[in-house]
């Protein structure tokens, strides 16, 4: 069984990601997707779960017809949902089954997919 503190501590020591502590239940990492692109993933402690969110764009920027017609969604292994007025790629893991050493790979995969979706919807980096 992993704890949020263990995940946070592991991420803070990562050489692949730029870690930032926000508060007791939230931290974020910036992952370099390519030499000229980065993607931020927010890690949230939800008690028994840990949630990873990568913001893609504002909901108002999403063309749902184009998004759902895209072959990109056929390859998706993550959930997509709103965070306020933003669209995010999400992954939720149970802390009792989470392997801390696999967290960096999961965040990397989420960041890459978030960036791919961001490029498809926004055409560039969302700010």
Protein backbone atom coordinates (compact mmCIF):
# COMPACT_ATOMS: atom_id res chain seq x y z
CA UNK A 1 0.00 0.00 0.00
CA UNK A 2 1.31 3.42 -0.98
CA UNK A 3 0.66 6.71 0.75
CA UNK A 4 0.25 10.12 -0.80
CA UNK A 5 3.33 11.29 1.14
CA UNK A 6 5.42 8.50 -0.45
CA UNK A 7 4.23 9.47 -3.93
CA UNK A 8 4.91 13.14 -3.26
CA UNK A 9 8.39 12.39 -1.87
CA UNK A 10 9.27 10.18 -4.85
CA UNK A 11 8.15 12.88 -7.30
CA UNK A 12 10.10 15.57 -5.47
CA UNK A 13 13.29 13.58 -6.12
CA UNK A 14 12.59 12.91 -9.81
CA UNK A 15 15.11 14.17 -12.34
CA UNK A 16 12.56 13.84 -15.17
CA UNK A 17 9.94 16.16 -13.70
CA UNK A 18 9.95 19.62 -12.16
CA UNK A 19 8.13 19.16 -8.83
CA UNK A 20 6.19 21.82 -6.92
CA UNK A 21 4.51 21.38 -3.55
CA UNK A 22 1.21 23.27 -3.41
CA UNK A 23 -0.32 22.15 -0.10
CA UNK A 24 -0.93 19.03 2.01
CA UNK A 25 -3.24 17.44 -0.56
CA UNK A 26 -1.97 18.90 -3.84
CA UNK A 27 1.31 18.92 -5.70
CA UNK A 28 2.20 19.27 -9.35
CA UNK A 29 4.91 18.21 -11.73
CA UNK A 30 5.93 19.69 -15.04
CA UNK A 31 6.93 17.01 -17.50
CA UNK A 32 8.98 17.76 -20.63
CA UNK A 33 7.04 16.06 -23.43
CA UNK A 34 9.42 17.19 -26.17
CA UNK A 35 12.27 19.71 -26.41
CA UNK A 36 9.78 22.56 -26.92
CA UNK A 37 6.67 21.33 -25.06
CA UNK A 38 5.80 20.69 -21.43
CA UNK A 39 2.70 19.42 -19.68
CA UNK A 40 1.71 19.97 -16.05
CA UNK A 41 0.14 17.12 -14.05
CA UNK A 42 -1.62 17.86 -10.77
CA UNK A 43 -1.53 15.12 -8.13
CA UNK A 44 -4.35 15.23 -5.58
CA UNK A 45 -4.75 13.23 -2.37
CA UNK A 46 -8.38 12.09 -2.19
CA UNK A 47 -8.10 9.94 0.93
CA UNK A 48 -8.22 6.36 -0.35
CA UNK A 49 -7.47 7.48 -3.92
CA UNK A 50 -4.90 9.59 -5.66
CA UNK A 51 -5.94 11.58 -8.72
CA UNK A 52 -3.65 12.68 -11.55
CA UNK A 53 -4.98 15.52 -13.76
CA UNK A 54 -3.44 17.08 -16.84
CA UNK A 55 -5.24 20.23 -18.00
CA UNK A 56 -5.80 20.34 -21.75
CA UNK A 57 -7.80 23.49 -22.46
CA UNK A 58 -10.86 25.53 -21.54
CA UNK A 59 -14.14 23.68 -22.04
CA UNK A 60 -15.28 26.46 -24.37
CA UNK A 61 -12.44 25.55 -26.77
CA UNK A 62 -13.60 21.95 -27.21
CA UNK A 63 -15.37 21.02 -30.42
CA UNK A 64 -17.19 17.91 -29.18
CA UNK A 65 -18.15 16.73 -32.67
CA UNK A 66 -14.51 16.82 -33.77
CA UNK A 67 -13.28 15.33 -30.51
CA UNK A 68 -15.65 12.38 -30.54
CA UNK A 69 -15.12 11.78 -34.26
CA UNK A 70 -11.36 11.67 -33.73
CA UNK A 71 -9.46 8.38 -33.76
CA UNK A 72 -7.46 9.80 -30.86
CA UNK A 73 -10.16 8.77 -28.39
CA UNK A 74 -9.96 5.16 -29.57
CA UNK A 75 -6.42 5.04 -28.19
CA UNK A 76 -7.27 6.67 -24.90
CA UNK A 77 -6.52 4.82 -21.68
CA UNK A 78 -7.41 7.75 -19.41
CA UNK A 79 -10.63 9.52 -18.53
CA UNK A 80 -11.51 13.01 -19.68
CA UNK A 81 -13.56 15.37 -17.58
CA UNK A 82 -14.05 18.90 -16.35
CA UNK A 83 -12.23 20.69 -13.57
CA UNK A 84 -14.27 23.83 -13.22
CA UNK A 85 -14.16 25.49 -16.65
CA UNK A 86 -11.20 23.38 -17.84
CA UNK A 87 -10.97 20.05 -19.64
CA UNK A 88 -8.49 17.60 -18.11
CA UNK A 89 -7.20 14.13 -18.81
CA UNK A 90 -7.58 12.17 -15.59
CA UNK A 91 -6.39 9.01 -13.94
CA UNK A 92 -7.51 7.79 -10.52
CA UNK A 93 -5.60 5.11 -8.61
CA UNK A 94 -6.40 3.35 -5.36
CA UNK A 95 -3.61 4.01 -2.88
CA UNK A 96 -3.97 0.48 -1.47
CA UNK A 97 -2.92 -1.02 -4.83
CA UNK A 98 -0.62 1.72 -6.11
CA UNK A 99 3.04 0.87 -6.65
CA UNK A 100 4.99 4.06 -5.90
CA UNK A 101 7.81 3.13 -8.28
CA UNK A 102 5.31 2.95 -11.18
CA UNK A 103 3.86 6.41 -10.53
CA UNK A 104 6.42 8.31 -12.64
CA UNK A 105 5.62 6.16 -15.68
CA UNK A 106 1.88 6.69 -15.19
CA UNK A 107 2.37 10.45 -14.94
CA UNK A 108 4.57 10.47 -18.04
CA UNK A 109 1.94 8.57 -20.05
CA UNK A 110 -0.79 10.92 -18.81
CA UNK A 111 1.29 13.99 -19.68
CA UNK A 112 2.06 12.74 -23.18
CA UNK A 113 -1.59 11.96 -23.88
CA UNK A 114 -2.69 15.28 -22.37
CA UNK A 115 -0.24 17.09 -24.62
CA UNK A 116 -1.41 15.14 -27.68
CA UNK A 117 -5.03 16.00 -26.92
CA UNK A 118 -4.08 19.62 -26.23
CA UNK A 119 -2.36 19.89 -29.64
CA UNK A 120 -5.41 18.36 -31.35
CA UNK A 121 -7.89 20.70 -29.66
CA UNK A 122 -5.94 23.93 -29.15
CA UNK A 123 -3.29 23.57 -31.83
CA UNK A 124 -0.57 24.71 -29.44
CA UNK A 125 0.19 25.02 -25.75
CA UNK A 126 -2.77 25.99 -23.56
CA UNK A 127 -1.88 28.68 -21.02
